[in-house]
Amino acid sequence: MSALTRNLSGGHETLRTYGRRVEIPMLGEVAVPPPDKVAYYAGLGVLAALQVIEWPLALVITAGHVLADQRMSGLVKGVGEALESA
């Protein structure tokens, strides 16, 4: 498979990975991350709860990963619209 074909098919793979969706009030429909991502976010939460890292750092890391991983979903658009209306 060429690099171009791999890049073109990457979007479809991302959509399949985040195929499950949940309705969240004020954000709308949000894709549910796969179990390995949920474990990663939970690990950051545990580190913040045990004060190994500061909670603002855990939030920034989590937000960065969510935005990077779900760029194909409406989450980024929903957050942007929520911030504009606030």
Protein backbone atom coordinates (compact mmCIF):
# COMPACT_ATOMS: atom_id res chain seq x y z
CA MET A 1 0.00 0.00 0.00
CA SER A 2 1.43 3.36 -0.98
CA ALA A 3 1.78 6.25 1.46
CA LEU A 4 -0.93 8.18 -0.38
CA THR A 5 -3.40 5.29 -0.15
CA ARG A 6 -2.55 4.79 3.52
CA ASN A 7 -3.18 8.49 4.24
CA LEU A 8 -6.45 8.49 2.32
CA SER A 9 -7.77 5.43 4.14
CA GLY A 10 -6.72 6.72 7.58
CA GLY A 11 -9.91 8.75 8.01
CA HIS A 12 -12.08 5.69 7.51
CA GLU A 13 -10.10 3.75 10.10
CA THR A 14 -10.48 6.62 12.60
CA LEU A 15 -14.22 6.67 12.02
CA ARG A 16 -14.43 2.90 12.59
CA THR A 17 -12.41 3.20 15.80
CA TYR A 18 -14.74 5.86 17.19
CA GLY A 19 -17.92 4.24 15.89
CA ARG A 20 -19.74 4.27 19.23
CA ARG A 21 -21.33 7.59 20.12
CA VAL A 22 -23.01 9.04 23.19
CA GLU A 23 -25.30 12.06 23.55
CA ILE A 24 -23.94 14.59 26.09
CA PRO A 25 -26.03 17.63 27.07
CA MET A 26 -24.65 20.95 25.75
CA LEU A 27 -21.99 19.14 23.66
CA GLY A 28 -24.22 16.99 21.49
CA GLU A 29 -23.18 13.63 20.09
CA VAL A 30 -19.65 12.62 21.15
CA ALA A 31 -17.62 9.62 20.01
CA VAL A 32 -16.65 7.16 22.74
CA PRO A 33 -12.94 6.36 22.70
CA PRO A 34 -11.71 2.77 22.54
CA PRO A 35 -10.93 0.99 25.84
CA ASP A 36 -7.17 1.63 25.64
CA LYS A 37 -7.77 5.39 25.46
CA VAL A 38 -10.22 5.23 28.38
CA ALA A 39 -7.54 3.42 30.40
CA TYR A 40 -5.02 6.15 29.49
CA TYR A 41 -7.40 8.89 30.65
CA ALA A 42 -8.16 6.97 33.83
CA GLY A 43 -4.43 6.62 34.49
CA LEU A 44 -4.00 10.38 34.18
CA GLY A 45 -6.88 10.81 36.61
CA VAL A 46 -5.26 8.46 39.11
CA LEU A 47 -1.94 10.27 38.82
CA ALA A 48 -3.68 13.59 39.45
CA ALA A 49 -5.67 12.14 42.39
CA LEU A 50 -2.48 10.80 43.97
CA GLN A 51 -0.85 14.20 43.34
CA VAL A 52 1.94 12.70 41.26
CA ILE A 53 1.10 15.36 38.66
CA GLU A 54 -0.91 18.53 39.18
CA TRP A 55 -4.55 18.36 38.09
CA PRO A 56 -4.27 21.29 35.62
CA LEU A 57 -1.49 19.41 33.83
CA ALA A 58 -3.64 16.27 33.69
CA LEU A 59 -6.50 18.32 32.21
CA VAL A 60 -4.27 19.89 29.57
CA ILE A 61 -2.79 16.53 28.57
CA THR A 62 -6.24 14.94 28.41
CA ALA A 63 -7.71 17.81 26.42
CA GLY A 64 -4.84 17.66 23.95
CA HIS A 65 -5.27 13.94 23.41
CA VAL A 66 -9.04 14.21 23.06
CA LEU A 67 -8.77 17.00 20.50
CA ALA A 68 -6.06 15.22 18.56
CA ASP A 69 -7.81 11.84 18.61
CA GLN A 70 -11.28 13.08 17.80
CA ARG A 71 -10.53 15.67 15.17
CA MET A 72 -12.91 13.81 12.86
CA SER A 73 -15.83 14.04 15.30
CA GLY A 74 -18.03 16.96 16.20
CA LEU A 75 -16.46 17.35 19.64
CA VAL A 76 -14.05 20.08 18.60
CA LYS A 77 -16.80 21.94 16.80
CA GLY A 78 -19.14 21.56 19.79
CA VAL A 79 -16.55 22.84 22.26
CA GLY A 80 -15.77 25.80 20.00
CA GLU A 81 -19.45 26.68 19.68
CA ALA A 82 -19.94 26.33 23.44
CA LEU A 83 -17.00 28.66 24.10
CA GLU A 84 -18.33 31.18 21.59
CA SER A 85 -21.76 31.24 23.22
CA ALA A 86 -20.36 31.55 26.77
